[in-house]
N, C-alpha and C. Protein backbone atom coordinates (compact mmCIF):
# COMPACT_ATOMS: atom_id res chain seq x y z
N MET A 1 -15.14 -15.84 65.66
CA MET A 1 -15.54 -17.18 65.20
C MET A 1 -15.92 -17.65 63.94
N ALA A 2 -17.13 -16.28 63.57
CA ALA A 2 -17.47 -16.69 61.95
C ALA A 2 -16.17 -16.37 61.01
N GLU A 3 -15.28 -15.67 61.52
CA GLU A 3 -14.46 -14.86 60.45
C GLU A 3 -13.33 -16.52 60.73
N GLN A 4 -12.82 -16.82 61.86
CA GLN A 4 -12.36 -18.01 61.55
C GLN A 4 -12.51 -18.92 60.41
N ALA A 5 -14.08 -19.32 60.83
CA ALA A 5 -14.53 -20.33 60.28
C ALA A 5 -14.11 -20.04 58.40
N GLU A 6 -14.43 -18.79 57.91
CA GLU A 6 -14.38 -18.45 56.96
C GLU A 6 -12.75 -18.31 56.05
N GLN A 7 -12.14 -18.05 57.03
CA GLN A 7 -10.59 -17.69 56.42
C GLN A 7 -10.17 -20.24 56.40
N ALA A 8 -10.78 -20.44 57.40
CA ALA A 8 -10.58 -21.90 57.75
C ALA A 8 -11.22 -22.70 56.21
N GLU A 9 -12.44 -22.06 55.41
CA GLU A 9 -12.76 -22.68 54.47
C GLU A 9 -12.23 -22.07 52.80
N GLU A 10 -11.32 -21.24 53.41
CA GLU A 10 -10.54 -20.59 51.92
C GLU A 10 -9.26 -21.32 52.09
N GLN A 11 -9.34 -21.90 52.92
CA GLN A 11 -7.34 -22.62 53.08
C GLN A 11 -7.65 -23.82 52.31
N GLY A 12 -6.80 -24.19 51.34
CA GLY A 12 -7.16 -25.13 50.16
C GLY A 12 -8.03 -25.07 48.95
N LYS A 13 -8.47 -23.88 49.03
CA LYS A 13 -8.91 -23.71 47.87
C LYS A 13 -8.28 -22.75 46.86
N ALA A 14 -8.06 -23.54 45.78
CA ALA A 14 -7.11 -22.60 44.72
C ALA A 14 -8.11 -21.48 43.66
N GLU A 15 -7.01 -20.35 43.38
CA GLU A 15 -7.83 -19.76 42.84
C GLU A 15 -6.93 -19.23 41.62
N PHE A 16 -7.90 -18.53 40.37
CA PHE A 16 -7.29 -19.52 39.13
C PHE A 16 -7.64 -17.94 38.34
N LEU A 17 -7.15 -17.24 38.39
CA LEU A 17 -6.94 -15.85 37.03
C LEU A 17 -6.58 -15.65 36.27
N PRO A 18 -7.32 -15.02 34.89
CA PRO A 18 -6.73 -15.44 33.62
C PRO A 18 -6.19 -14.28 33.45
N LEU A 19 -5.27 -14.55 33.70
CA LEU A 19 -3.47 -13.22 33.38
C LEU A 19 -3.64 -12.89 32.14
N TRP A 20 -3.24 -11.30 31.70
CA TRP A 20 -3.03 -11.04 30.41
C TRP A 20 -4.22 -11.35 29.47
N PRO A 21 -5.15 -11.58 29.52
CA PRO A 21 -6.11 -11.77 28.57
C PRO A 21 -6.10 -10.69 27.42
N THR A 22 -6.21 -12.02 26.19
CA THR A 22 -6.54 -10.93 24.80
C THR A 22 -7.85 -10.77 24.50
N LEU A 23 -8.64 -9.95 24.20
CA LEU A 23 -9.82 -9.94 24.09
C LEU A 23 -10.39 -9.51 22.66
N PHE A 24 -11.01 -11.24 22.06
CA PHE A 24 -11.17 -10.74 20.63
C PHE A 24 -13.41 -10.97 20.58
N MET A 25 -13.51 -10.35 19.92
CA MET A 25 -15.12 -9.98 19.47
C MET A 25 -15.50 -10.30 17.94
N SER A 26 -16.28 -11.14 17.79
CA SER A 26 -16.96 -11.12 16.74
C SER A 26 -18.29 -11.14 16.65
N VAL A 27 -18.89 -10.35 15.70
CA VAL A 27 -20.54 -10.16 15.80
C VAL A 27 -21.06 -9.97 14.26
N ILE A 28 -22.17 -10.77 14.13
CA ILE A 28 -22.71 -11.09 12.68
C ILE A 28 -24.06 -9.68 12.94
N LEU A 29 -23.78 -8.48 12.03
CA LEU A 29 -24.83 -7.45 12.35
C LEU A 29 -25.94 -7.67 11.85
N PRO A 30 -27.22 -7.48 12.51
CA PRO A 30 -28.46 -7.53 11.70
C PRO A 30 -28.42 -6.40 10.96
N GLY A 31 -28.97 -6.69 9.53
CA GLY A 31 -29.57 -5.96 8.49
C GLY A 31 -28.41 -6.06 7.77
N HIS A 32 -27.12 -6.58 7.63
CA HIS A 32 -25.92 -6.79 7.16
C HIS A 32 -26.54 -6.78 5.32
N GLU A 33 -27.44 -7.94 5.44
CA GLU A 33 -27.93 -8.09 3.92
C GLU A 33 -28.11 -7.03 2.96
N SER A 34 -28.87 -6.26 3.75
CA SER A 34 -29.36 -5.20 2.63
C SER A 34 -28.13 -4.73 2.52
N ALA A 35 -27.82 -4.01 3.69
CA ALA A 35 -26.36 -2.69 3.57
C ALA A 35 -25.09 -3.04 2.62
N ASN A 36 -24.98 -4.76 2.69
CA ASN A 36 -23.64 -5.07 2.10
C ASN A 36 -23.49 -4.93 0.30
N GLY A 37 -24.66 -4.63 0.16
CA GLY A 37 -24.61 -4.42 -1.49
C GLY A 37 -24.84 -2.75 -2.04
N VAL A 38 -24.70 -2.26 -0.96
CA VAL A 38 -25.08 -0.73 -1.08
C VAL A 38 -23.16 -0.54 -0.81
N LEU A 39 -22.52 -1.21 0.57
CA LEU A 39 -21.69 -0.57 0.84
C LEU A 39 -20.41 -1.16 -0.40
N SER A 40 -20.47 -2.33 -0.79
CA SER A 40 -19.90 -2.60 -1.75
C SER A 40 -19.83 -1.99 -2.94
N THR A 41 -20.54 -1.33 -3.52
CA THR A 41 -20.62 -0.77 -4.62
C THR A 41 -19.92 0.00 -4.79
N ILE A 42 -20.37 1.11 -3.56
CA ILE A 42 -19.10 2.58 -2.77
C ILE A 42 -17.49 2.25 -2.66
N VAL A 43 -17.54 0.72 -2.16
CA VAL A 43 -15.98 0.65 -1.88
C VAL A 43 -15.10 0.26 -3.50
N MET A 44 -15.88 -0.49 -4.56
CA MET A 44 -15.68 -0.55 -5.37
C MET A 44 -15.21 0.41 -6.63
N GLN A 45 -16.15 1.50 -6.36
CA GLN A 45 -16.13 2.77 -6.88
C GLN A 45 -15.17 3.78 -6.38
N ASP A 46 -14.83 3.67 -4.95
CA ASP A 46 -14.15 4.02 -4.58
C ASP A 46 -12.32 3.71 -5.05
N ASN A 47 -12.13 2.54 -5.09
CA ASN A 47 -11.23 1.43 -5.73
C ASN A 47 -10.75 2.14 -6.76
N ALA A 48 -11.79 2.38 -7.94
CA ALA A 48 -11.73 2.84 -9.51
C ALA A 48 -11.15 4.13 -9.54
N GLU A 49 -11.57 4.77 -8.21
CA GLU A 49 -10.71 6.18 -8.79
C GLU A 49 -9.39 6.63 -7.81
N GLN A 50 -9.26 5.40 -7.19
CA GLN A 50 -8.37 6.04 -6.05
C GLN A 50 -6.70 4.70 -6.42
N GLU A 51 -5.77 5.29 -6.36
CA GLU A 51 -4.69 4.55 -6.49
C GLU A 51 -4.09 3.82 -5.44
N GLN A 52 -3.49 2.53 -5.42
CA GLN A 52 -3.33 2.31 -3.66
C GLN A 52 -3.97 2.51 -2.79
N MET A 53 -5.28 2.53 -2.77
CA MET A 53 -6.17 2.74 -1.77
C MET A 53 -6.34 2.24 -0.90
N THR A 54 -6.41 1.08 -0.44
CA THR A 54 -6.20 0.23 1.03
C THR A 54 -4.33 0.49 1.41
N THR A 55 -3.45 1.03 0.41
CA THR A 55 -2.20 1.23 1.84
C THR A 55 -2.74 2.51 1.67
N ASN A 56 -3.02 3.51 1.67
CA ASN A 56 -3.13 4.65 1.65
C ASN A 56 -3.80 5.22 2.53
N TYR A 57 -4.26 4.29 3.83
CA TYR A 57 -5.33 4.31 4.95
C TYR A 57 -5.56 5.37 5.18
N LEU A 58 -4.25 6.14 5.79
CA LEU A 58 -3.70 7.14 6.64
C LEU A 58 -4.53 8.17 5.91
N GLU A 59 -4.60 8.47 4.66
CA GLU A 59 -4.83 9.64 3.65
C GLU A 59 -6.43 9.76 4.08
N GLN A 60 -7.15 9.08 4.33
CA GLN A 60 -8.72 9.17 4.48
C GLN A 60 -9.25 8.32 5.42
N ASN A 61 -10.25 9.05 5.30
CA ASN A 61 -11.49 8.10 6.29
C ASN A 61 -12.87 7.59 5.76
N PHE A 62 -13.18 6.30 5.87
CA PHE A 62 -14.36 6.51 5.15
C PHE A 62 -15.52 6.30 5.99
N PHE A 63 -14.93 6.75 6.81
CA PHE A 63 -16.35 6.81 7.75
C PHE A 63 -17.02 8.44 7.54
N ALA A 64 -15.88 9.34 7.31
CA ALA A 64 -16.71 10.74 7.23
C ALA A 64 -17.67 10.97 6.34
N SER A 65 -18.12 9.72 5.60
CA SER A 65 -19.00 10.33 4.40
C SER A 65 -20.27 10.38 5.34
N ASP A 66 -21.68 11.23 4.60
CA ASP A 66 -22.74 10.99 5.19
C ASP A 66 -23.89 9.99 4.54
N HIS A 67 -23.61 9.30 3.93
CA HIS A 67 -24.49 7.87 2.95
C HIS A 67 -24.91 6.92 4.34
N PRO A 68 -26.19 7.15 4.26
CA PRO A 68 -27.04 6.17 5.17
C PRO A 68 -26.26 5.06 5.20
N ALA A 69 -25.94 4.27 4.31
CA ALA A 69 -25.14 3.24 4.89
C ALA A 69 -24.10 2.98 5.46
N ILE A 70 -23.39 3.53 5.42
CA ILE A 70 -22.04 4.26 5.86
C ILE A 70 -22.35 4.98 7.22
N GLY A 71 -23.64 6.01 7.51
CA GLY A 71 -23.91 6.28 8.58
C GLY A 71 -23.98 4.70 9.31
N TRP A 72 -24.97 3.74 9.06
CA TRP A 72 -25.70 2.50 9.79
C TRP A 72 -24.33 1.76 10.37
N LEU A 73 -23.44 2.19 9.28
CA LEU A 73 -22.20 1.32 9.73
C LEU A 73 -20.90 1.56 10.92
N VAL A 74 -21.60 2.91 11.11
CA VAL A 74 -20.57 3.51 12.33
C VAL A 74 -21.32 3.49 13.29
N GLN A 75 -22.48 3.64 13.02
CA GLN A 75 -23.03 3.01 14.46
C GLN A 75 -23.25 1.59 14.56
N CYS A 76 -22.75 0.61 13.89
CA CYS A 76 -22.80 -0.85 14.40
C CYS A 76 -21.25 -0.90 15.17
N CYS A 77 -20.28 -0.17 14.51
CA CYS A 77 -18.87 -0.02 14.96
C CYS A 77 -18.56 0.40 16.41
N GLN A 78 -19.32 2.11 16.44
CA GLN A 78 -19.47 2.56 17.91
C GLN A 78 -20.15 1.49 18.91
N HIS A 79 -21.18 0.81 18.36
CA HIS A 79 -21.98 -0.16 19.73
C HIS A 79 -21.35 -1.13 19.30
N GLY A 80 -20.45 -1.72 18.65
CA GLY A 80 -19.29 -2.79 18.86
C GLY A 80 -18.61 -2.49 20.24
N VAL A 81 -17.99 -1.32 20.14
CA VAL A 81 -16.99 -1.07 20.77
C VAL A 81 -17.35 -0.79 22.45
N ALA A 82 -18.64 -0.45 22.55
CA ALA A 82 -19.26 -0.39 23.89
C ALA A 82 -19.44 -1.48 24.32
N GLU A 83 -19.71 -2.88 23.39
CA GLU A 83 -19.77 -3.94 24.02
C GLU A 83 -18.75 -4.60 24.32
N TYR A 84 -17.44 -4.53 23.53
CA TYR A 84 -16.44 -4.63 23.89
C TYR A 84 -15.56 -3.92 25.30
N VAL A 85 -15.91 -2.87 25.80
CA VAL A 85 -15.61 -2.44 26.84
C VAL A 85 -16.22 -2.94 27.85
N ARG A 86 -17.54 -3.37 28.24
CA ARG A 86 -18.90 -3.85 29.04
C ARG A 86 -17.95 -5.15 29.02
N ALA A 87 -17.63 -6.19 28.14
CA ALA A 87 -17.22 -7.60 27.86
C ALA A 87 -15.87 -7.35 28.90
N SER A 88 -14.72 -6.15 28.78
CA SER A 88 -13.54 -6.31 29.38
C SER A 88 -14.04 -5.67 31.09
N GLY A 89 -14.83 -5.08 31.02
CA GLY A 89 -15.02 -5.22 32.75
C GLY A 89 -14.36 -3.48 32.68
N MET A 90 -14.11 -2.58 31.82
CA MET A 90 -13.36 -1.23 32.16
C MET A 90 -14.37 -0.52 32.72
N GLY A 91 -15.54 -0.19 32.85
CA GLY A 91 -16.17 0.49 32.87
C GLY A 91 -17.16 1.44 31.95
N ALA A 92 -17.09 2.75 32.38
CA ALA A 92 -17.34 3.76 31.11
C ALA A 92 -16.93 3.89 29.85
N VAL A 93 -17.38 4.19 28.62
CA VAL A 93 -16.54 3.67 27.19
C VAL A 93 -16.14 4.86 27.56
N PRO A 94 -14.71 4.85 27.06
CA PRO A 94 -13.63 6.16 26.87
C PRO A 94 -13.95 7.23 25.68
N GLU A 95 -14.04 8.43 25.67
CA GLU A 95 -14.01 9.26 24.32
C GLU A 95 -13.34 8.49 23.09
N PHE A 96 -13.56 8.47 21.81
CA PHE A 96 -13.00 8.06 21.06
C PHE A 96 -13.29 8.32 19.43
N SER A 97 -12.65 8.31 18.77
CA SER A 97 -12.96 8.49 17.27
C SER A 97 -12.35 7.20 16.46
N LEU A 98 -13.26 7.02 15.45
CA LEU A 98 -12.98 6.24 14.41
C LEU A 98 -12.30 6.43 12.95
N GLN A 99 -11.42 5.73 12.65
CA GLN A 99 -10.98 6.06 11.41
C GLN A 99 -10.99 4.89 10.69
N ALA A 100 -11.53 4.84 9.29
CA ALA A 100 -11.79 3.58 8.29
C ALA A 100 -10.93 3.53 6.80
N TRP A 101 -10.77 2.75 6.41
CA TRP A 101 -10.39 2.79 5.00
C TRP A 101 -11.06 1.20 4.47
N PRO A 102 -11.18 1.28 3.34
CA PRO A 102 -11.69 -0.27 2.70
C PRO A 102 -10.49 -0.92 2.23
N ASN A 103 -10.72 -2.36 1.83
CA ASN A 103 -9.76 -3.20 1.46
C ASN A 103 -10.03 -4.10 0.08
N VAL A 104 -10.28 -3.99 -1.10
CA VAL A 104 -10.00 -4.31 -2.07
C VAL A 104 -9.39 -5.83 -1.84
N ASN A 105 -9.30 -6.99 -1.84
CA ASN A 105 -8.43 -8.23 -2.48
C ASN A 105 -9.02 -8.69 -3.96
N PHE A 106 -8.06 -8.41 -4.49
CA PHE A 106 -8.61 -9.06 -5.77
C PHE A 106 -7.47 -10.66 -5.76
N LYS A 107 -7.74 -11.48 -6.87
CA LYS A 107 -6.89 -12.49 -6.87
C LYS A 107 -5.63 -12.50 -6.77
N GLY A 108 -4.74 -12.93 -6.08
CA GLY A 108 -3.37 -12.89 -5.52
C GLY A 108 -3.24 -12.32 -3.92
N ASP A 109 -4.01 -11.22 -4.11
CA ASP A 109 -3.77 -10.34 -2.93
C ASP A 109 -3.60 -10.69 -1.60
N TYR A 110 -2.72 -10.13 -0.50
CA TYR A 110 -3.17 -10.52 0.60
C TYR A 110 -2.38 -9.17 1.21
N HIS A 111 -2.40 -9.57 2.78
CA HIS A 111 -1.68 -8.72 3.89
C HIS A 111 -0.88 -9.08 4.56
N ASN A 112 0.23 -8.57 4.39
CA ASN A 112 1.52 -9.04 5.30
C ASN A 112 1.22 -8.90 6.76
N LEU A 113 2.19 -9.54 7.68
CA LEU A 113 2.21 -9.44 8.81
C LEU A 113 2.20 -7.85 9.81
N HIS A 114 1.43 -7.69 10.27
CA HIS A 114 1.25 -5.92 10.68
C HIS A 114 0.71 -5.89 12.40
N ASN A 115 0.63 -4.93 12.95
CA ASN A 115 -0.29 -4.59 13.97
C ASN A 115 -1.07 -3.35 13.38
N HIS A 116 -1.75 -2.01 14.36
CA HIS A 116 -1.76 -0.57 14.41
C HIS A 116 -1.51 0.17 14.95
N PRO A 117 -0.34 0.87 15.14
CA PRO A 117 0.60 1.48 15.75
C PRO A 117 -0.67 2.67 16.49
N HIS A 118 -0.73 3.41 17.71
CA HIS A 118 -1.48 4.81 17.34
C HIS A 118 -2.78 4.87 17.81
N SER A 119 -3.16 3.12 17.50
CA SER A 119 -4.92 3.30 17.89
C SER A 119 -4.87 2.40 19.28
N TRP A 120 -5.80 2.45 19.83
CA TRP A 120 -6.71 1.56 21.07
C TRP A 120 -7.14 -0.02 20.92
N LEU A 121 -7.75 0.23 19.69
CA LEU A 121 -8.67 -1.36 19.21
C LEU A 121 -8.27 -0.81 17.90
N SER A 122 -8.68 -2.31 17.08
CA SER A 122 -8.66 -2.21 15.69
C SER A 122 -9.86 -3.24 14.97
N GLY A 123 -11.02 -3.00 13.83
CA GLY A 123 -11.26 -3.83 13.65
C GLY A 123 -11.65 -3.77 12.50
N THR A 124 -12.62 -4.73 11.34
CA THR A 124 -12.61 -5.60 10.17
C THR A 124 -14.31 -5.48 10.24
N TYR A 125 -15.05 -5.26 9.41
CA TYR A 125 -16.40 -5.33 8.86
C TYR A 125 -16.12 -5.75 7.61
N TYR A 126 -16.86 -7.14 7.21
CA TYR A 126 -16.77 -8.08 5.83
C TYR A 126 -17.83 -7.70 5.08
N LEU A 127 -17.66 -7.46 4.30
CA LEU A 127 -18.63 -6.89 2.99
C LEU A 127 -18.78 -8.37 2.27
N HIS A 128 -18.33 -8.84 1.67
CA HIS A 128 -17.93 -9.94 0.65
C HIS A 128 -16.46 -11.14 0.65
N VAL A 129 -16.59 -12.00 1.20
CA VAL A 129 -15.64 -13.06 1.53
C VAL A 129 -15.90 -14.32 0.51
N PRO A 130 -15.68 -14.15 -0.62
CA PRO A 130 -15.65 -15.65 -1.89
C PRO A 130 -15.20 -16.67 -1.05
N ASP A 131 -15.87 -17.81 -2.02
CA ASP A 131 -15.66 -19.08 -1.59
C ASP A 131 -14.20 -19.42 -2.37
N GLN A 132 -13.46 -19.85 -1.54
CA GLN A 132 -12.19 -20.04 -1.91
C GLN A 132 -11.91 -21.60 -2.47
N SER A 133 -13.17 -22.61 -2.46
CA SER A 133 -12.94 -23.88 -2.97
C SER A 133 -12.73 -24.43 -3.94
N GLN A 134 -13.40 -23.20 -4.95
CA GLN A 134 -13.39 -23.37 -6.36
C GLN A 134 -11.87 -22.73 -6.91
N ALA A 135 -10.91 -23.04 -6.09
CA ALA A 135 -9.75 -21.97 -6.49
C ALA A 135 -8.93 -22.80 -7.84
N GLU A 136 -8.16 -22.62 -8.81
CA GLU A 136 -7.27 -22.94 -9.77
C GLU A 136 -6.03 -24.06 -8.96
N THR A 137 -5.26 -23.41 -7.87
CA THR A 137 -4.67 -23.62 -7.17
C THR A 137 -4.79 -23.67 -5.94
N PHE A 138 -5.60 -24.59 -5.48
CA PHE A 138 -5.85 -24.57 -3.87
C PHE A 138 -5.05 -25.31 -2.85
N ARG A 139 -4.60 -24.30 -2.49
CA ARG A 139 -3.65 -25.25 -1.22
C ARG A 139 -4.24 -24.83 0.00
N SER A 140 -4.11 -25.86 0.87
CA SER A 140 -4.68 -25.56 2.27
C SER A 140 -3.81 -25.11 3.18
N ASP A 141 -2.44 -24.80 2.59
CA ASP A 141 -1.17 -24.02 3.49
C ASP A 141 -1.72 -22.83 3.62
N LEU A 142 -2.20 -22.63 2.58
CA LEU A 142 -1.86 -20.67 2.19
C LEU A 142 -3.25 -20.32 3.04
N ASN A 143 -4.35 -21.11 3.70
CA ASN A 143 -5.23 -20.52 4.43
C ASN A 143 -6.06 -19.60 3.70
N PRO A 144 -6.62 -19.79 2.31
CA PRO A 144 -7.13 -18.59 1.53
C PRO A 144 -8.44 -17.83 2.44
N ALA A 145 -8.29 -16.79 1.99
CA ALA A 145 -9.04 -15.74 2.38
C ALA A 145 -9.35 -15.83 4.03
N SER A 146 -8.47 -15.98 4.43
CA SER A 146 -8.88 -16.25 6.35
C SER A 146 -7.61 -15.17 6.84
N ILE A 147 -8.30 -14.95 7.78
CA ILE A 147 -7.35 -13.90 8.55
C ILE A 147 -6.41 -14.31 9.94
N SER A 148 -4.94 -14.11 10.30
CA SER A 148 -4.46 -15.00 11.27
C SER A 148 -4.11 -13.93 12.37
N PHE A 149 -4.01 -14.08 13.83
CA PHE A 149 -4.16 -13.06 14.46
C PHE A 149 -2.75 -14.23 15.34
N PHE A 150 -1.18 -13.19 16.05
CA PHE A 150 -0.37 -14.38 16.67
C PHE A 150 -0.32 -13.49 17.70
N ASP A 151 -0.18 -14.55 19.07
CA ASP A 151 0.06 -14.44 20.51
C ASP A 151 1.10 -13.24 20.82
N PRO A 152 0.74 -12.09 21.78
CA PRO A 152 1.77 -11.31 21.52
C PRO A 152 2.96 -11.67 22.61
N ARG A 153 2.54 -12.42 23.33
CA ARG A 153 3.75 -12.97 24.03
C ARG A 153 4.58 -14.00 23.50
N GLY A 154 5.66 -13.19 23.16
CA GLY A 154 6.82 -13.84 22.38
C GLY A 154 7.37 -15.03 23.21
N ALA A 155 6.99 -16.31 22.48
CA ALA A 155 7.55 -17.56 22.69
C ALA A 155 6.73 -18.60 23.95
N ALA A 156 5.38 -17.76 24.04
CA ALA A 156 4.74 -18.07 25.65
C ALA A 156 4.74 -19.65 25.43
N ASN A 157 4.34 -20.18 24.27
CA ASN A 157 4.13 -21.80 23.63
C ASN A 157 5.32 -22.56 23.79
N MET A 158 6.55 -22.36 24.27
CA MET A 158 7.83 -23.11 24.05
C MET A 158 7.81 -24.34 25.03
N THR A 159 6.96 -24.28 26.27
CA THR A 159 7.03 -25.29 27.03
C THR A 159 5.47 -25.85 27.33
N ALA A 160 4.44 -25.13 26.37
CA ALA A 160 3.01 -25.87 26.31
C ALA A 160 2.81 -27.10 25.82
N ILE A 161 2.24 -27.88 26.53
CA ILE A 161 1.83 -29.38 26.11
C ILE A 161 0.17 -28.89 25.04
N ARG A 162 -0.19 -30.41 24.31
CA ARG A 162 -1.35 -30.05 23.25
C ARG A 162 -2.33 -30.24 24.34
N ASN A 163 -3.05 -29.22 23.85
CA ASN A 163 -4.63 -29.02 24.57
C ASN A 163 -4.33 -28.08 25.56
N ASP A 164 -2.99 -27.88 25.92
CA ASP A 164 -3.10 -26.12 26.84
C ASP A 164 -3.50 -25.25 25.84
N GLY A 165 -3.72 -24.20 26.70
CA GLY A 165 -4.28 -22.94 26.27
C GLY A 165 -3.30 -22.49 25.05
N GLN A 166 -1.74 -22.06 25.98
CA GLN A 166 -1.02 -21.73 25.50
C GLN A 166 0.02 -22.13 24.12
N PHE A 167 -0.84 -23.56 23.66
CA PHE A 167 -0.18 -24.59 22.54
C PHE A 167 -0.06 -23.62 21.22
N ASP A 168 -0.95 -23.43 20.73
CA ASP A 168 -0.78 -22.38 19.63
C ASP A 168 -0.88 -20.94 19.16
N PRO A 169 -0.01 -20.89 18.89
CA PRO A 169 0.70 -19.18 19.04
C PRO A 169 -0.64 -18.40 17.98
N GLU A 170 -1.28 -19.11 17.14
CA GLU A 170 -2.11 -18.62 16.08
C GLU A 170 -3.57 -19.22 15.95
N TYR A 171 -3.76 -18.08 15.71
CA TYR A 171 -5.80 -17.85 15.91
C TYR A 171 -6.07 -17.74 14.29
N ARG A 172 -6.49 -18.63 13.74
CA ARG A 172 -7.09 -18.31 12.47
C ARG A 172 -8.57 -18.73 12.15
N ARG A 173 -9.07 -17.36 11.49
CA ARG A 173 -10.33 -17.91 10.93
C ARG A 173 -10.63 -17.27 9.76
N THR A 174 -11.60 -17.75 9.39
CA THR A 174 -12.06 -17.46 7.62
C THR A 174 -13.48 -16.18 8.13
N PRO A 175 -13.57 -15.38 7.98
CA PRO A 175 -15.21 -14.78 8.39
C PRO A 175 -16.22 -14.94 7.32
N ARG A 176 -16.79 -14.22 7.73
CA ARG A 176 -18.59 -14.16 6.82
C ARG A 176 -18.61 -12.83 6.85
N ALA A 177 -19.17 -12.67 5.15
CA ALA A 177 -20.04 -11.64 5.02
C ALA A 177 -20.86 -11.45 6.15
N GLY A 178 -21.01 -9.73 6.36
CA GLY A 178 -21.44 -9.30 7.54
C GLY A 178 -21.30 -9.41 9.18
N GLU A 179 -19.97 -10.08 9.33
CA GLU A 179 -19.55 -10.36 10.72
C GLU A 179 -17.99 -9.45 10.56
N LEU A 180 -18.34 -8.72 12.17
CA LEU A 180 -17.41 -7.74 12.79
C LEU A 180 -16.33 -8.30 13.65
N PHE A 181 -15.32 -7.61 13.44
CA PHE A 181 -13.86 -8.54 14.35
C PHE A 181 -13.38 -7.14 15.40
N LEU A 182 -13.21 -6.96 16.23
CA LEU A 182 -12.67 -6.01 16.97
C LEU A 182 -11.41 -6.86 18.04
N TRP A 183 -10.50 -6.20 18.26
CA TRP A 183 -9.40 -6.69 18.76
C TRP A 183 -8.45 -5.25 19.06
N PRO A 184 -7.76 -5.61 19.77
CA PRO A 184 -6.56 -4.65 20.80
C PRO A 184 -5.91 -4.70 19.32
N SER A 185 -5.32 -2.91 19.42
CA SER A 185 -4.47 -2.71 18.17
C SER A 185 -3.31 -3.10 18.20
N PHE A 186 -2.36 -3.94 19.08
CA PHE A 186 -1.48 -4.32 19.07
C PHE A 186 -1.15 -5.35 18.46
N LEU A 187 -2.18 -6.22 18.57
CA LEU A 187 -2.23 -7.18 18.18
C LEU A 187 -1.28 -8.02 16.84
N TYR A 188 -0.49 -8.87 16.54
CA TYR A 188 -0.26 -8.88 14.99
C TYR A 188 -0.81 -9.69 14.64
N HIS A 189 -1.42 -9.42 13.36
CA HIS A 189 -2.03 -10.44 12.39
C HIS A 189 -1.87 -10.05 10.71
N LEU A 190 -2.23 -11.14 9.92
CA LEU A 190 -2.35 -10.78 8.65
C LEU A 190 -3.14 -11.45 7.87
N VAL A 191 -3.08 -11.24 6.52
CA VAL A 191 -4.68 -11.24 6.18
C VAL A 191 -4.24 -12.52 5.09
N HIS A 192 -4.59 -13.69 4.46
CA HIS A 192 -4.12 -14.74 4.08
C HIS A 192 -4.90 -14.96 2.05
N PRO A 193 -3.65 -14.97 1.12
CA PRO A 193 -4.20 -14.37 0.10
C PRO A 193 -5.55 -14.66 -0.33
N ASN A 194 -5.73 -13.96 -1.34
CA ASN A 194 -7.54 -14.53 -1.83
C ASN A 194 -6.94 -15.17 -3.43
N LEU A 195 -7.43 -16.24 -3.98
CA LEU A 195 -7.52 -17.21 -4.80
C LEU A 195 -8.30 -17.10 -5.56
N VAL A 196 -9.20 -16.55 -5.90
CA VAL A 196 -10.31 -16.93 -7.01
C VAL A 196 -10.44 -15.43 -7.44
N ASP A 197 -11.26 -15.51 -8.40
CA ASP A 197 -11.34 -14.00 -9.32
C ASP A 197 -11.99 -13.16 -8.75
N GLU A 198 -13.29 -13.47 -7.65
CA GLU A 198 -13.80 -12.73 -7.20
C GLU A 198 -13.26 -11.38 -5.78
N PRO A 199 -13.33 -10.96 -6.06
CA PRO A 199 -12.82 -9.52 -5.24
C PRO A 199 -13.18 -9.86 -3.61
N ARG A 200 -11.85 -10.02 -2.50
CA ARG A 200 -12.60 -9.85 -1.07
C ARG A 200 -13.10 -8.54 -0.50
N LEU A 201 -13.69 -8.13 -0.09
CA LEU A 201 -14.33 -6.88 0.14
C LEU A 201 -14.70 -6.53 1.34
N SER A 202 -13.71 -5.80 2.42
CA SER A 202 -14.01 -5.65 3.95
C SER A 202 -14.07 -3.85 4.01
N ILE A 203 -14.04 -3.49 5.18
CA ILE A 203 -14.05 -1.89 5.99
C ILE A 203 -13.31 -2.69 6.50
N SER A 204 -11.88 -1.58 7.08
CA SER A 204 -11.01 -1.54 8.23
C SER A 204 -11.10 -0.45 9.10
N PHE A 205 -10.80 -0.52 10.10
CA PHE A 205 -11.35 0.78 11.01
C PHE A 205 -10.37 0.59 12.39
N ASN A 206 -9.89 2.06 12.42
CA ASN A 206 -9.37 2.35 14.16
C ASN A 206 -9.72 2.78 15.09
N VAL A 207 -9.81 2.77 16.06
CA VAL A 207 -10.64 2.78 17.63
C VAL A 207 -9.57 4.08 18.32
N VAL A 208 -9.50 5.09 18.07
CA VAL A 208 -8.52 6.46 18.46
C VAL A 208 -8.64 6.71 19.42
N LEU A 209 -8.12 6.72 20.86
CA LEU A 209 -9.19 7.50 21.85
C LEU A 209 -8.38 9.55 22.03
N SER A 210 -9.20 9.85 22.33
CA SER A 210 -9.70 11.24 21.72
C SER A 210 -8.79 11.90 22.83
N SER A 211 -8.40 11.36 24.11
CA SER A 211 -7.11 12.04 24.72
C SER A 211 -6.90 11.37 25.42
N THR A 212 -5.68 10.42 25.28
CA THR A 212 -5.00 9.40 26.00
C THR A 212 -4.65 9.31 27.51
N ALA A 213 -4.98 11.14 27.62
CA ALA A 213 -4.32 11.18 29.29
C ALA A 213 -5.71 10.98 30.38
N LYS A 214 -6.35 11.28 29.71
CA LYS A 214 -7.78 11.10 30.43
C LYS A 214 -8.28 9.69 31.26
N HIS A 215 -7.55 8.66 30.49
CA HIS A 215 -8.05 7.48 30.26
C HIS A 215 -6.67 6.66 30.94
N LEU A 216 -5.80 6.90 31.45
CA LEU A 216 -4.31 6.59 31.73
C LEU A 216 -4.98 6.05 33.78
């Protein structure tokens, strides 16, 4: 009788499942106020010593340094990955390594549409995001210094109506100094141009599984 009553209660009760979610994480790191100045100096020194530092990201690993400020950021990124796993409901944190590179965007610099192949998660930590309101040629459609992420499901919004969660295929955000973003590496994204003289400084990284076979 109890089972029948339970089945009767379930009838007519709709079940809603958030299928195929794309989890995006952001967090302001505690202690960034003191760390960012040190990290910015390191990044600018590296940029002066290397040609095409940002585009040659596979030839370096910024996190390989034993500098205390970089070690702090490595620990923060590792903790962020663990938080991401908990929020995803995946259980144990898989074995992974971090591969990182600095980004220096001078006036007019931007990053074209791309994703990060051969990785599980990707992220960026922001050291300095200059105020764009004083740009000589400010155009709101350029979305200066922002980053845009795009719905990975092609044409998912074709039949959506306004205020439907499927309506806007782009998620655009202007980061703040001290903020860490983390997202699935398959997600296409682009960085809008910096329109002021101050450089935009960040450190991007990939989360690479140590052994994919273990986690299938």
